[in-house]
Amino acid sequence: FGSVMVEQGDADAMLTGLSHHYPSALRPPLQVVGTAEDADYAAGVYMLTFKNRVIFCADATVNQAPDEDVLAEITKHTAELARRFNVEPRAAMLSYSNFGSVDNEGTRKPRRAAEMLREDPDADFPVDGEMQADTAVVEDILNGTYEFSDLDDPANVLVFPNLEAGNIGYKLLQRLGGAEAIGPMLVGMDKPVHVIQRGDEVKDIVNLAGVAVVDAQQNE
């Protein structure tokens, strides 16, 4: 009923999923609320806050095997989310290859997504790839070995090639890197709907509720 209330305007935002598996909790909002007019896909984004930087990781919860079109759209919506937090986005399309060092269909997908975004007038932020994770976040590697990159500074929007990599990656950053993780924030939705992970702690729910409130205020 929560999705219907949001869709009909009886509720401004919704959090769901604490007692359900994520796919089951996500299905009703996708079917009832749907994606925004400028979106064909939704994606789950985590904002990871470290002592000296903020990083947005996508997609960590929704799209299992995105092609280049989906990767490009995920990147645009994640960049928009970063700007809502007053972070100017610099996006990296992640892979195990650096700028064509390995050439196969898996590495070409993020490379083509980066090319599509560079040609998209609505994608008004720097983006490059495909590149390895350390290339994306370590300035000495990015500006030393790959000084031709379109990124002048380390990336703060990390777009993973598939759901497995995205989910594993953000959890390693959170648990071993000591980051505070806020999310998953659903981007690409028509209205403020977010799906909590099973077992989330109170602070996780409070953080995501705050995001939902800001979303609702911006939609007024």
N, C-alpha and C. Protein backbone atom coordinates (compact mmCIF):
# COMPACT_ATOMS: atom_id res chain seq x y z
N PHE A 1 0.81 -1.21 0.00
CA PHE A 1 0.00 0.00 0.00
C PHE A 1 0.85 1.27 0.00
N GLY A 2 2.07 1.17 0.53
CA GLY A 2 2.93 2.34 0.59
C GLY A 2 3.22 2.92 -0.77
N SER A 3 3.51 2.06 -1.74
CA SER A 3 3.80 2.54 -3.10
C SER A 3 2.59 3.26 -3.70
N VAL A 4 1.40 2.73 -3.45
CA VAL A 4 0.18 3.36 -3.96
C VAL A 4 -0.02 4.72 -3.31
N MET A 5 0.23 4.82 -2.01
CA MET A 5 0.08 6.10 -1.31
C MET A 5 1.02 7.16 -1.89
N VAL A 6 2.27 6.77 -2.17
CA VAL A 6 3.22 7.72 -2.77
C VAL A 6 2.77 8.11 -4.17
N GLU A 7 2.35 7.15 -4.95
CA GLU A 7 1.93 7.42 -6.33
C GLU A 7 0.70 8.32 -6.37
N GLN A 8 -0.22 8.15 -5.42
CA GLN A 8 -1.44 8.95 -5.39
C GLN A 8 -1.26 10.29 -4.67
N GLY A 9 -0.10 10.52 -4.09
CA GLY A 9 0.14 11.78 -3.40
C GLY A 9 -0.31 11.80 -1.95
N ASP A 10 -0.71 10.65 -1.41
CA ASP A 10 -1.11 10.59 -0.01
C ASP A 10 0.10 10.48 0.92
N ALA A 11 1.25 10.17 0.38
CA ALA A 11 2.51 10.16 1.12
C ALA A 11 3.57 10.81 0.25
N ASP A 12 4.51 11.49 0.87
CA ASP A 12 5.54 12.21 0.12
C ASP A 12 6.74 11.34 -0.22
N ALA A 13 6.98 10.31 0.57
CA ALA A 13 8.14 9.44 0.36
C ALA A 13 7.88 8.11 1.05
N MET A 14 8.72 7.13 0.74
CA MET A 14 8.54 5.82 1.34
C MET A 14 9.87 5.13 1.55
N LEU A 15 10.02 4.50 2.72
CA LEU A 15 11.09 3.55 2.98
C LEU A 15 10.45 2.18 3.18
N THR A 16 11.03 1.17 2.59
CA THR A 16 10.48 -0.17 2.71
C THR A 16 11.62 -1.18 2.69
N GLY A 17 11.31 -2.43 3.07
CA GLY A 17 12.26 -3.50 2.86
C GLY A 17 12.96 -4.08 4.07
N LEU A 18 12.77 -3.50 5.24
CA LEU A 18 13.55 -3.96 6.40
C LEU A 18 13.31 -5.43 6.71
N SER A 19 12.09 -5.90 6.49
CA SER A 19 11.76 -7.29 6.84
C SER A 19 11.56 -8.16 5.60
N HIS A 20 12.02 -7.68 4.44
CA HIS A 20 11.85 -8.45 3.20
C HIS A 20 13.18 -8.53 2.46
N HIS A 21 13.29 -9.53 1.61
CA HIS A 21 14.44 -9.58 0.72
C HIS A 21 14.37 -8.40 -0.25
N TYR A 22 15.54 -7.86 -0.60
CA TYR A 22 15.58 -6.64 -1.40
C TYR A 22 14.79 -6.76 -2.71
N PRO A 23 14.97 -7.81 -3.50
CA PRO A 23 14.21 -7.87 -4.77
C PRO A 23 12.70 -7.84 -4.56
N SER A 24 12.22 -8.52 -3.51
CA SER A 24 10.78 -8.53 -3.24
C SER A 24 10.28 -7.15 -2.82
N ALA A 25 11.10 -6.43 -2.05
CA ALA A 25 10.69 -5.10 -1.61
C ALA A 25 10.77 -4.08 -2.74
N LEU A 26 11.68 -4.30 -3.69
CA LEU A 26 11.86 -3.35 -4.79
C LEU A 26 10.77 -3.46 -5.84
N ARG A 27 10.23 -4.65 -6.01
CA ARG A 27 9.29 -4.90 -7.11
C ARG A 27 8.05 -3.99 -7.07
N PRO A 28 7.35 -3.85 -5.93
CA PRO A 28 6.15 -2.99 -5.93
C PRO A 28 6.43 -1.53 -6.30
N PRO A 29 7.47 -0.88 -5.75
CA PRO A 29 7.74 0.50 -6.17
C PRO A 29 8.02 0.62 -7.67
N LEU A 30 8.74 -0.34 -8.23
CA LEU A 30 9.02 -0.29 -9.67
C LEU A 30 7.74 -0.44 -10.48
N GLN A 31 6.84 -1.30 -10.03
CA GLN A 31 5.61 -1.54 -10.77
C GLN A 31 4.59 -0.42 -10.59
N VAL A 32 4.52 0.16 -9.40
CA VAL A 32 3.48 1.14 -9.09
C VAL A 32 3.96 2.57 -9.34
N VAL A 33 5.11 2.91 -8.80
CA VAL A 33 5.64 4.28 -8.94
C VAL A 33 6.37 4.43 -10.27
N GLY A 34 7.21 3.48 -10.59
CA GLY A 34 7.92 3.50 -11.86
C GLY A 34 9.08 4.47 -11.90
N THR A 35 9.72 4.53 -13.05
CA THR A 35 10.87 5.40 -13.21
C THR A 35 10.44 6.80 -13.66
N ALA A 36 11.34 7.75 -13.52
CA ALA A 36 11.07 9.13 -13.90
C ALA A 36 10.98 9.26 -15.42
N GLU A 37 10.48 10.41 -15.87
CA GLU A 37 10.31 10.63 -17.32
C GLU A 37 11.64 10.54 -18.06
N ASP A 38 12.72 10.97 -17.41
CA ASP A 38 14.02 10.97 -18.07
C ASP A 38 14.82 9.71 -17.76
N ALA A 39 14.16 8.68 -17.26
CA ALA A 39 14.86 7.46 -16.86
C ALA A 39 14.17 6.23 -17.41
N ASP A 40 14.97 5.29 -17.86
CA ASP A 40 14.46 3.98 -18.25
C ASP A 40 14.78 2.92 -17.21
N TYR A 41 15.71 3.24 -16.32
CA TYR A 41 16.17 2.27 -15.34
C TYR A 41 16.34 2.95 -13.98
N ALA A 42 16.13 2.18 -12.93
CA ALA A 42 16.48 2.62 -11.58
C ALA A 42 17.82 1.98 -11.22
N ALA A 43 18.47 2.54 -10.22
CA ALA A 43 19.74 1.99 -9.75
C ALA A 43 19.91 2.30 -8.28
N GLY A 44 20.68 1.47 -7.59
CA GLY A 44 20.93 1.66 -6.17
C GLY A 44 22.32 2.24 -5.95
N VAL A 45 22.38 3.38 -5.27
CA VAL A 45 23.64 4.10 -5.06
C VAL A 45 23.94 4.18 -3.57
N TYR A 46 25.19 3.93 -3.23
CA TYR A 46 25.67 4.16 -1.87
C TYR A 46 26.61 5.36 -1.86
N MET A 47 26.40 6.25 -0.92
CA MET A 47 27.34 7.33 -0.67
C MET A 47 28.23 6.91 0.49
N LEU A 48 29.52 6.84 0.22
CA LEU A 48 30.50 6.43 1.23
C LEU A 48 31.30 7.65 1.66
N THR A 49 31.25 7.96 2.93
CA THR A 49 31.95 9.13 3.44
C THR A 49 33.18 8.68 4.22
N PHE A 50 34.33 9.15 3.76
CA PHE A 50 35.60 8.91 4.43
C PHE A 50 36.04 10.20 5.12
N LYS A 51 37.17 10.16 5.81
CA LYS A 51 37.65 11.35 6.51
C LYS A 51 37.96 12.48 5.54
N ASN A 52 38.47 12.11 4.36
CA ASN A 52 38.94 13.15 3.45
C ASN A 52 38.27 13.15 2.08
N ARG A 53 37.24 12.34 1.89
CA ARG A 53 36.56 12.32 0.60
C ARG A 53 35.19 11.66 0.70
N VAL A 54 34.39 11.91 -0.32
CA VAL A 54 33.08 11.28 -0.45
C VAL A 54 33.04 10.57 -1.80
N ILE A 55 32.56 9.34 -1.81
CA ILE A 55 32.49 8.56 -3.04
C ILE A 55 31.09 7.98 -3.20
N PHE A 56 30.57 8.05 -4.42
CA PHE A 56 29.27 7.46 -4.75
C PHE A 56 29.50 6.20 -5.57
N CYS A 57 28.93 5.08 -5.14
CA CYS A 57 29.12 3.80 -5.81
C CYS A 57 27.81 3.32 -6.42
N ALA A 58 27.85 2.95 -7.69
CA ALA A 58 26.65 2.49 -8.39
C ALA A 58 27.05 1.43 -9.42
N ASP A 59 26.20 0.55 -9.77
CA ASP A 59 24.94 0.22 -9.17
C ASP A 59 25.20 -0.94 -8.21
N ALA A 60 24.72 -0.81 -6.98
CA ALA A 60 25.02 -1.80 -5.96
C ALA A 60 23.86 -2.71 -5.61
N THR A 61 22.67 -2.47 -6.21
CA THR A 61 21.51 -3.24 -5.75
C THR A 61 20.51 -3.66 -6.83
N VAL A 62 20.56 -3.15 -8.03
CA VAL A 62 19.42 -3.35 -8.94
C VAL A 62 19.78 -4.10 -10.22
N ASN A 63 20.63 -3.55 -11.07
CA ASN A 63 20.85 -4.07 -12.42
C ASN A 63 21.97 -5.11 -12.44
N GLN A 64 21.62 -6.34 -12.78
CA GLN A 64 22.59 -7.43 -12.68
C GLN A 64 23.69 -7.35 -13.72
N ALA A 65 23.34 -7.15 -14.97
CA ALA A 65 24.33 -7.17 -16.05
C ALA A 65 24.03 -6.03 -17.02
N PRO A 66 24.29 -4.79 -16.62
CA PRO A 66 23.94 -3.64 -17.47
C PRO A 66 24.80 -3.57 -18.73
N ASP A 67 24.16 -3.19 -19.84
CA ASP A 67 24.93 -2.91 -21.05
C ASP A 67 25.40 -1.46 -21.01
N GLU A 68 26.01 -1.00 -22.10
CA GLU A 68 26.57 0.36 -22.09
C GLU A 68 25.51 1.44 -21.94
N ASP A 69 24.31 1.21 -22.50
CA ASP A 69 23.24 2.19 -22.36
C ASP A 69 22.81 2.34 -20.90
N VAL A 70 22.68 1.21 -20.23
CA VAL A 70 22.29 1.24 -18.82
C VAL A 70 23.40 1.85 -17.97
N LEU A 71 24.64 1.49 -18.25
CA LEU A 71 25.77 2.06 -17.51
C LEU A 71 25.81 3.57 -17.66
N ALA A 72 25.58 4.05 -18.88
CA ALA A 72 25.60 5.50 -19.11
C ALA A 72 24.48 6.18 -18.33
N GLU A 73 23.29 5.60 -18.34
CA GLU A 73 22.18 6.21 -17.61
C GLU A 73 22.42 6.18 -16.11
N ILE A 74 22.93 5.06 -15.60
CA ILE A 74 23.26 4.98 -14.18
C ILE A 74 24.24 6.08 -13.79
N THR A 75 25.22 6.31 -14.64
CA THR A 75 26.23 7.33 -14.36
C THR A 75 25.61 8.72 -14.29
N LYS A 76 24.73 9.03 -15.23
CA LYS A 76 24.08 10.35 -15.23
C LYS A 76 23.26 10.57 -13.96
N HIS A 77 22.48 9.58 -13.58
CA HIS A 77 21.63 9.74 -12.40
C HIS A 77 22.46 9.79 -11.12
N THR A 78 23.56 9.06 -11.09
CA THR A 78 24.43 9.11 -9.92
C THR A 78 25.13 10.45 -9.83
N ALA A 79 25.52 11.01 -10.97
CA ALA A 79 26.12 12.35 -10.97
C ALA A 79 25.12 13.39 -10.48
N GLU A 80 23.87 13.26 -10.90
CA GLU A 80 22.82 14.18 -10.41
C GLU A 80 22.66 14.06 -8.90
N LEU A 81 22.71 12.83 -8.40
CA LEU A 81 22.61 12.62 -6.96
C LEU A 81 23.78 13.28 -6.23
N ALA A 82 24.98 13.13 -6.76
CA ALA A 82 26.15 13.74 -6.13
C ALA A 82 25.97 15.25 -6.01
N ARG A 83 25.43 15.87 -7.04
CA ARG A 83 25.23 17.32 -7.00
C ARG A 83 24.18 17.72 -5.97
N ARG A 84 23.23 16.85 -5.70
CA ARG A 84 22.26 17.15 -4.65
C ARG A 84 22.93 17.21 -3.28
N PHE A 85 24.07 16.56 -3.16
CA PHE A 85 24.85 16.62 -1.92
C PHE A 85 26.00 17.63 -2.03
N ASN A 86 25.91 18.53 -3.01
CA ASN A 86 26.92 19.57 -3.22
C ASN A 86 28.30 19.00 -3.51
N VAL A 87 28.33 17.87 -4.20
CA VAL A 87 29.57 17.25 -4.65
C VAL A 87 29.61 17.33 -6.16
N GLU A 88 30.65 17.95 -6.71
CA GLU A 88 30.77 18.05 -8.16
C GLU A 88 31.30 16.72 -8.70
N PRO A 89 30.51 16.04 -9.54
CA PRO A 89 30.85 14.66 -9.92
C PRO A 89 32.01 14.56 -10.90
N ARG A 90 32.83 13.54 -10.66
CA ARG A 90 33.87 13.10 -11.60
C ARG A 90 33.72 11.58 -11.68
N ALA A 91 33.31 11.10 -12.83
CA ALA A 91 32.87 9.70 -12.94
C ALA A 91 33.92 8.82 -13.60
N ALA A 92 34.08 7.63 -13.04
CA ALA A 92 34.97 6.62 -13.60
C ALA A 92 34.17 5.36 -13.88
N MET A 93 34.32 4.84 -15.10
CA MET A 93 33.71 3.57 -15.47
C MET A 93 34.72 2.47 -15.14
N LEU A 94 34.42 1.66 -14.15
CA LEU A 94 35.39 0.72 -13.62
C LEU A 94 35.42 -0.60 -14.40
N SER A 95 36.61 -1.19 -14.40
CA SER A 95 36.84 -2.48 -15.04
C SER A 95 38.12 -3.06 -14.46
N TYR A 96 38.56 -4.20 -14.99
CA TYR A 96 39.88 -4.72 -14.62
C TYR A 96 40.92 -4.31 -15.66
N SER A 97 40.51 -3.47 -16.60
CA SER A 97 41.35 -3.01 -17.69
C SER A 97 41.51 -1.50 -17.62
N ASN A 98 42.65 -1.00 -18.07
CA ASN A 98 42.89 0.44 -18.14
C ASN A 98 42.93 0.90 -19.59
N PHE A 99 41.90 1.61 -20.03
CA PHE A 99 41.89 2.29 -21.33
C PHE A 99 42.30 1.37 -22.47
N GLY A 100 41.67 0.19 -22.52
CA GLY A 100 41.92 -0.72 -23.63
C GLY A 100 43.08 -1.66 -23.45
N SER A 101 43.67 -1.75 -22.25
CA SER A 101 44.78 -2.67 -22.04
C SER A 101 44.34 -4.12 -22.21
N VAL A 102 43.07 -4.39 -21.94
CA VAL A 102 42.44 -5.67 -22.26
C VAL A 102 41.23 -5.35 -23.13
N ASP A 103 41.10 -6.05 -24.24
CA ASP A 103 40.02 -5.72 -25.17
C ASP A 103 39.11 -6.93 -25.37
N ASN A 104 37.96 -6.89 -24.74
CA ASN A 104 36.94 -7.90 -24.96
C ASN A 104 35.59 -7.25 -24.71
N GLU A 105 34.52 -8.00 -24.86
CA GLU A 105 33.20 -7.40 -24.74
C GLU A 105 32.97 -6.83 -23.34
N GLY A 106 33.51 -7.49 -22.32
CA GLY A 106 33.33 -7.00 -20.97
C GLY A 106 33.99 -5.66 -20.73
N THR A 107 35.17 -5.44 -21.29
CA THR A 107 35.86 -4.16 -21.10
C THR A 107 35.36 -3.09 -22.07
N ARG A 108 34.81 -3.53 -23.20
CA ARG A 108 34.31 -2.55 -24.16
C ARG A 108 33.02 -1.88 -23.68
N LYS A 109 32.22 -2.57 -22.87
CA LYS A 109 30.96 -1.98 -22.40
C LYS A 109 31.18 -0.69 -21.60
N PRO A 110 31.99 -0.68 -20.55
CA PRO A 110 32.22 0.58 -19.85
C PRO A 110 32.93 1.62 -20.71
N ARG A 111 33.78 1.16 -21.63
CA ARG A 111 34.46 2.10 -22.52
C ARG A 111 33.45 2.80 -23.42
N ARG A 112 32.52 2.03 -23.98
CA ARG A 112 31.50 2.63 -24.84
C ARG A 112 30.58 3.54 -24.04
N ALA A 113 30.28 3.16 -22.80
CA ALA A 113 29.44 4.01 -21.95
C ALA A 113 30.10 5.36 -21.73
N ALA A 114 31.40 5.36 -21.49
CA ALA A 114 32.13 6.62 -21.31
C ALA A 114 32.08 7.46 -22.58
N GLU A 115 32.23 6.80 -23.73
CA GLU A 115 32.16 7.52 -25.01
C GLU A 115 30.78 8.13 -25.22
N MET A 116 29.74 7.38 -24.89
CA MET A 116 28.37 7.89 -25.03
C MET A 116 28.16 9.12 -24.16
N LEU A 117 28.67 9.08 -22.95
CA LEU A 117 28.48 10.21 -22.03
C LEU A 117 29.25 11.44 -22.50
N ARG A 118 30.42 11.24 -23.06
CA ARG A 118 31.19 12.39 -23.56
C ARG A 118 30.47 13.08 -24.71
N GLU A 119 29.67 12.32 -25.45
CA GLU A 119 28.93 12.88 -26.57
C GLU A 119 27.54 13.39 -26.18
N ASP A 120 27.15 13.17 -24.93
CA ASP A 120 25.82 13.55 -24.45
C ASP A 120 25.87 14.96 -23.87
N PRO A 121 25.17 15.92 -24.47
CA PRO A 121 25.21 17.30 -23.97
C PRO A 121 24.64 17.45 -22.56
N ASP A 122 23.80 16.51 -22.14
CA ASP A 122 23.24 16.58 -20.80
C ASP A 122 24.18 16.03 -19.73
N ALA A 123 25.21 15.34 -20.15
CA ALA A 123 26.19 14.80 -19.20
C ALA A 123 27.31 15.82 -19.02
N ASP A 124 27.04 16.86 -18.25
CA ASP A 124 27.97 17.98 -18.11
C ASP A 124 28.91 17.78 -16.93
N PHE A 125 29.61 16.67 -16.95
CA PHE A 125 30.59 16.37 -15.91
C PHE A 125 31.69 15.50 -16.54
N PRO A 126 32.89 15.53 -16.00
CA PRO A 126 33.97 14.71 -16.57
C PRO A 126 33.75 13.23 -16.30
N VAL A 127 34.03 12.42 -17.29
CA VAL A 127 33.88 10.98 -17.17
C VAL A 127 34.95 10.32 -18.02
N ASP A 128 35.46 9.18 -17.56
CA ASP A 128 36.45 8.46 -18.35
C ASP A 128 36.41 6.99 -17.98
N GLY A 129 37.06 6.20 -18.81
CA GLY A 129 37.12 4.77 -18.60
C GLY A 129 37.14 4.03 -19.93
N GLU A 130 37.31 2.76 -19.88
CA GLU A 130 37.31 1.98 -18.66
C GLU A 130 38.64 2.12 -17.91
N MET A 131 38.59 1.94 -16.59
CA MET A 131 39.81 2.02 -15.79
C MET A 131 39.67 1.15 -14.54
N GLN A 132 40.83 0.76 -14.01
CA GLN A 132 40.86 -0.02 -12.79
C GLN A 132 40.53 0.87 -11.60
N ALA A 133 40.13 0.24 -10.50
CA ALA A 133 39.67 1.00 -9.34
C ALA A 133 40.76 1.88 -8.76
N ASP A 134 42.00 1.36 -8.69
CA ASP A 134 43.06 2.19 -8.11
C ASP A 134 43.42 3.35 -9.03
N THR A 135 43.31 3.15 -10.32
CA THR A 135 43.52 4.27 -11.25
C THR A 135 42.51 5.37 -11.00
N ALA A 136 41.28 4.98 -10.71
CA ALA A 136 40.21 5.96 -10.53
C ALA A 136 40.38 6.80 -9.28
N VAL A 137 40.95 6.23 -8.22
CA VAL A 137 40.94 6.93 -6.93
C VAL A 137 42.31 7.36 -6.43
N VAL A 138 43.39 6.94 -7.08
CA VAL A 138 44.74 7.31 -6.65
C VAL A 138 45.30 8.35 -7.61
N GLU A 139 45.53 9.55 -7.11
CA GLU A 139 45.93 10.66 -7.97
C GLU A 139 47.25 10.40 -8.68
N ASP A 140 48.21 9.79 -8.00
CA ASP A 140 49.52 9.55 -8.62
C ASP A 140 49.41 8.62 -9.82
N ILE A 141 48.53 7.64 -9.74
CA ILE A 141 48.34 6.73 -10.87
C ILE A 141 47.59 7.44 -11.99
N LEU A 142 46.51 8.12 -11.63
CA LEU A 142 45.67 8.77 -12.64
C LEU A 142 46.44 9.83 -13.40
N ASN A 143 47.10 10.72 -12.67
CA ASN A 143 47.77 11.85 -13.32
C ASN A 143 49.21 11.55 -13.71
N GLY A 144 49.74 10.44 -13.23
CA GLY A 144 51.11 10.07 -13.58
C GLY A 144 51.14 9.15 -14.79
N THR A 145 50.59 7.95 -14.61
CA THR A 145 50.61 6.96 -15.68
C THR A 145 49.61 7.28 -16.79
N TYR A 146 48.47 7.88 -16.42
CA TYR A 146 47.40 8.12 -17.39
C TYR A 146 47.05 9.60 -17.43
N GLU A 147 48.05 10.43 -17.66
CA GLU A 147 47.82 11.87 -17.63
C GLU A 147 46.96 12.36 -18.78
N PHE A 148 46.71 11.50 -19.76
CA PHE A 148 45.81 11.85 -20.87
C PHE A 148 44.34 11.74 -20.47
N SER A 149 44.06 11.22 -19.29
CA SER A 149 42.67 11.00 -18.88
C SER A 149 41.89 12.30 -18.83
N ASP A 150 40.60 12.19 -19.06
CA ASP A 150 39.71 13.35 -18.95
C ASP A 150 39.48 13.77 -17.51
N LEU A 151 39.89 12.95 -16.56
CA LEU A 151 39.74 13.28 -15.14
C LEU A 151 41.00 13.97 -14.65
N ASP A 152 40.87 15.21 -14.20
CA ASP A 152 42.02 15.93 -13.65
C ASP A 152 42.28 15.55 -12.20
N ASP A 153 41.25 15.10 -11.51
CA ASP A 153 41.35 14.69 -10.12
C ASP A 153 40.70 13.32 -9.96
N PRO A 154 41.01 12.60 -8.88
CA PRO A 154 40.42 11.27 -8.68
C PRO A 154 38.90 11.29 -8.74
N ALA A 155 38.34 10.20 -9.20
CA ALA A 155 36.89 10.10 -9.36
C ALA A 155 36.19 10.04 -8.00
N ASN A 156 35.00 10.61 -7.96
CA ASN A 156 34.15 10.47 -6.77
C ASN A 156 32.83 9.77 -7.10
N VAL A 157 32.63 9.44 -8.37
CA VAL A 157 31.51 8.60 -8.80
C VAL A 157 32.10 7.35 -9.44
N LEU A 158 31.92 6.22 -8.79
CA LEU A 158 32.46 4.95 -9.28
C LEU A 158 31.32 4.10 -9.81
N VAL A 159 31.36 3.82 -11.10
CA VAL A 159 30.31 3.02 -11.74
C VAL A 159 30.88 1.64 -12.05
N PHE A 160 30.33 0.65 -11.40
CA PHE A 160 30.84 -0.71 -11.51
C PHE A 160 30.24 -1.40 -12.73
N PRO A 161 30.96 -2.39 -13.30
CA PRO A 161 30.49 -3.00 -14.55
C PRO A 161 29.28 -3.90 -14.40
N ASN A 162 29.04 -4.39 -13.19
CA ASN A 162 27.87 -5.25 -12.97
C ASN A 162 27.50 -5.23 -11.50
N LEU A 163 26.39 -5.88 -11.18
CA LEU A 163 25.86 -5.84 -9.82
C LEU A 163 26.78 -6.55 -8.83
N GLU A 164 27.37 -7.66 -9.25
CA GLU A 164 28.28 -8.37 -8.35
C GLU A 164 29.43 -7.47 -7.91
N ALA A 165 30.07 -6.83 -8.87
CA ALA A 165 31.20 -5.96 -8.54
C ALA A 165 30.77 -4.79 -7.67
N GLY A 166 29.63 -4.19 -8.00
CA GLY A 166 29.16 -3.03 -7.24
C GLY A 166 28.83 -3.36 -5.81
N ASN A 167 28.15 -4.48 -5.59
CA ASN A 167 27.76 -4.86 -4.24
C ASN A 167 28.98 -5.26 -3.41
N ILE A 168 29.87 -6.04 -4.01
CA ILE A 168 31.09 -6.43 -3.31
C ILE A 168 31.95 -5.21 -3.02
N GLY A 169 32.08 -4.34 -4.01
CA GLY A 169 32.97 -3.19 -3.87
C GLY A 169 32.57 -2.24 -2.76
N TYR A 170 31.28 -1.88 -2.69
CA TYR A 170 30.89 -0.92 -1.67
C TYR A 170 31.02 -1.52 -0.28
N LYS A 171 30.76 -2.84 -0.15
CA LYS A 171 30.86 -3.47 1.16
C LYS A 171 32.31 -3.55 1.64
N LEU A 172 33.23 -3.80 0.73
CA LEU A 172 34.65 -3.79 1.11
C LEU A 172 35.09 -2.39 1.53
N LEU A 173 34.66 -1.38 0.78
CA LEU A 173 35.00 -0.01 1.15
C LEU A 173 34.42 0.35 2.51
N GLN A 174 33.21 -0.10 2.76
CA GLN A 174 32.56 0.21 4.03
C GLN A 174 33.22 -0.51 5.19
N ARG A 175 33.42 -1.81 5.06
CA ARG A 175 33.87 -2.62 6.19
C ARG A 175 35.38 -2.52 6.42
N LEU A 176 36.17 -2.52 5.36
CA LEU A 176 37.62 -2.47 5.52
C LEU A 176 38.17 -1.06 5.44
N GLY A 177 37.48 -0.20 4.70
CA GLY A 177 37.95 1.17 4.55
C GLY A 177 37.44 2.11 5.61
N GLY A 178 36.53 1.62 6.45
CA GLY A 178 36.03 2.45 7.54
C GLY A 178 35.11 3.57 7.10
N ALA A 179 34.44 3.39 5.98
CA ALA A 179 33.55 4.45 5.48
C ALA A 179 32.17 4.34 6.12
N GLU A 180 31.53 5.49 6.26
CA GLU A 180 30.12 5.53 6.64
C GLU A 180 29.30 5.41 5.35
N ALA A 181 28.45 4.40 5.27
CA ALA A 181 27.68 4.15 4.06
C ALA A 181 26.25 4.62 4.23
N ILE A 182 25.80 5.46 3.32
CA ILE A 182 24.41 5.92 3.31
C ILE A 182 23.75 5.38 2.05
N GLY A 183 22.69 4.61 2.23
CA GLY A 183 22.03 4.02 1.09
C GLY A 183 21.39 2.69 1.45
N PRO A 184 20.95 1.98 0.41
CA PRO A 184 21.02 2.34 -1.00
C PRO A 184 19.97 3.38 -1.37
N MET A 185 20.42 4.43 -2.05
CA MET A 185 19.52 5.47 -2.53
C MET A 185 19.10 5.11 -3.95
N LEU A 186 17.81 4.97 -4.17
CA LEU A 186 17.32 4.64 -5.50
C LEU A 186 17.30 5.89 -6.37
N VAL A 187 18.00 5.85 -7.48
CA VAL A 187 17.97 6.94 -8.44
C VAL A 187 17.20 6.47 -9.67
N GLY A 188 16.65 7.44 -10.39
CA GLY A 188 15.87 7.12 -11.58
C GLY A 188 14.41 6.88 -11.32
N MET A 189 13.98 6.95 -10.05
CA MET A 189 12.57 6.73 -9.72
C MET A 189 11.77 8.02 -9.92
N ASP A 190 10.48 7.85 -10.17
CA ASP A 190 9.62 9.00 -10.41
C ASP A 190 9.32 9.78 -9.14
N LYS A 191 9.34 9.09 -8.00
CA LYS A 191 9.05 9.73 -6.71
C LYS A 191 9.98 9.16 -5.65
N PRO A 192 10.10 9.83 -4.50
CA PRO A 192 11.07 9.40 -3.49
C PRO A 192 10.70 8.06 -2.84
N VAL A 193 11.34 7.01 -3.31
CA VAL A 193 11.15 5.68 -2.76
C VAL A 193 12.53 5.06 -2.56
N HIS A 194 12.78 4.53 -1.38
CA HIS A 194 14.06 3.89 -1.10
C HIS A 194 13.81 2.57 -0.40
N VAL A 195 14.62 1.57 -0.75
CA VAL A 195 14.46 0.23 -0.21
C VAL A 195 15.62 -0.06 0.74
N ILE A 196 15.27 -0.31 1.99
CA ILE A 196 16.26 -0.60 3.02
C ILE A 196 16.74 -2.04 2.87
N GLN A 197 18.00 -2.27 3.22
CA GLN A 197 18.52 -3.63 3.23
C GLN A 197 18.08 -4.34 4.51
N ARG A 198 17.82 -5.64 4.40
CA ARG A 198 17.48 -6.42 5.59
C ARG A 198 18.64 -6.35 6.58
N GLY A 199 18.30 -6.11 7.86
CA GLY A 199 19.33 -6.07 8.87
C GLY A 199 19.99 -4.73 9.04
N ASP A 200 19.54 -3.71 8.31
CA ASP A 200 20.11 -2.37 8.50
C ASP A 200 19.92 -1.92 9.94
N GLU A 201 20.90 -1.18 10.43
CA GLU A 201 20.82 -0.65 11.79
C GLU A 201 19.98 0.62 11.81
N VAL A 202 19.66 1.07 13.04
CA VAL A 202 18.81 2.26 13.18
C VAL A 202 19.43 3.46 12.48
N LYS A 203 20.74 3.65 12.63
CA LYS A 203 21.39 4.82 12.01
C LYS A 203 21.29 4.76 10.49
N ASP A 204 21.32 3.56 9.92
CA ASP A 204 21.18 3.42 8.47
C ASP A 204 19.79 3.87 8.02
N ILE A 205 18.78 3.48 8.79
CA ILE A 205 17.41 3.84 8.45
C ILE A 205 17.20 5.34 8.61
N VAL A 206 17.76 5.91 9.69
CA VAL A 206 17.63 7.35 9.91
C VAL A 206 18.30 8.13 8.78
N ASN A 207 19.49 7.69 8.37
CA ASN A 207 20.19 8.37 7.28
C ASN A 207 19.37 8.34 5.99
N LEU A 208 18.82 7.18 5.67
CA LEU A 208 18.05 7.05 4.43
C LEU A 208 16.73 7.81 4.52
N ALA A 209 16.16 7.87 5.72
CA ALA A 209 14.94 8.66 5.91
C ALA A 209 15.23 10.14 5.65
N GLY A 210 16.38 10.61 6.09
CA GLY A 210 16.77 11.99 5.82
C GLY A 210 16.89 12.27 4.34
N VAL A 211 17.46 11.32 3.61
CA VAL A 211 17.57 11.47 2.15
C VAL A 211 16.19 11.53 1.53
N ALA A 212 15.27 10.67 1.98
CA ALA A 212 13.91 10.65 1.44
C ALA A 212 13.20 11.97 1.68
N VAL A 213 13.41 12.57 2.86
CA VAL A 213 12.78 13.86 3.16
C VAL A 213 13.30 14.94 2.23
N VAL A 214 14.61 14.97 2.02
CA VAL A 214 15.18 15.97 1.10
C VAL A 214 14.65 15.76 -0.31
N ASP A 215 14.56 14.50 -0.74
CA ASP A 215 13.99 14.19 -2.06
C ASP A 215 12.58 14.76 -2.18
N ALA A 216 11.77 14.53 -1.16
CA ALA A 216 10.38 14.99 -1.20
C ALA A 216 10.30 16.50 -1.24
N GLN A 217 11.16 17.18 -0.49
CA GLN A 217 11.16 18.64 -0.49
C GLN A 217 11.56 19.19 -1.85
N GLN A 218 12.53 18.55 -2.49
CA GLN A 218 12.98 19.02 -3.80
C GLN A 218 11.95 18.74 -4.88
N ASN A 219 11.07 17.78 -4.66
CA ASN A 219 10.04 17.45 -5.64
C ASN A 219 8.81 18.33 -5.54
N GLU A 220 8.73 19.15 -4.48
CA GLU A 220 7.54 20.00 -4.31
C GLU A 220 7.50 21.11 -5.36
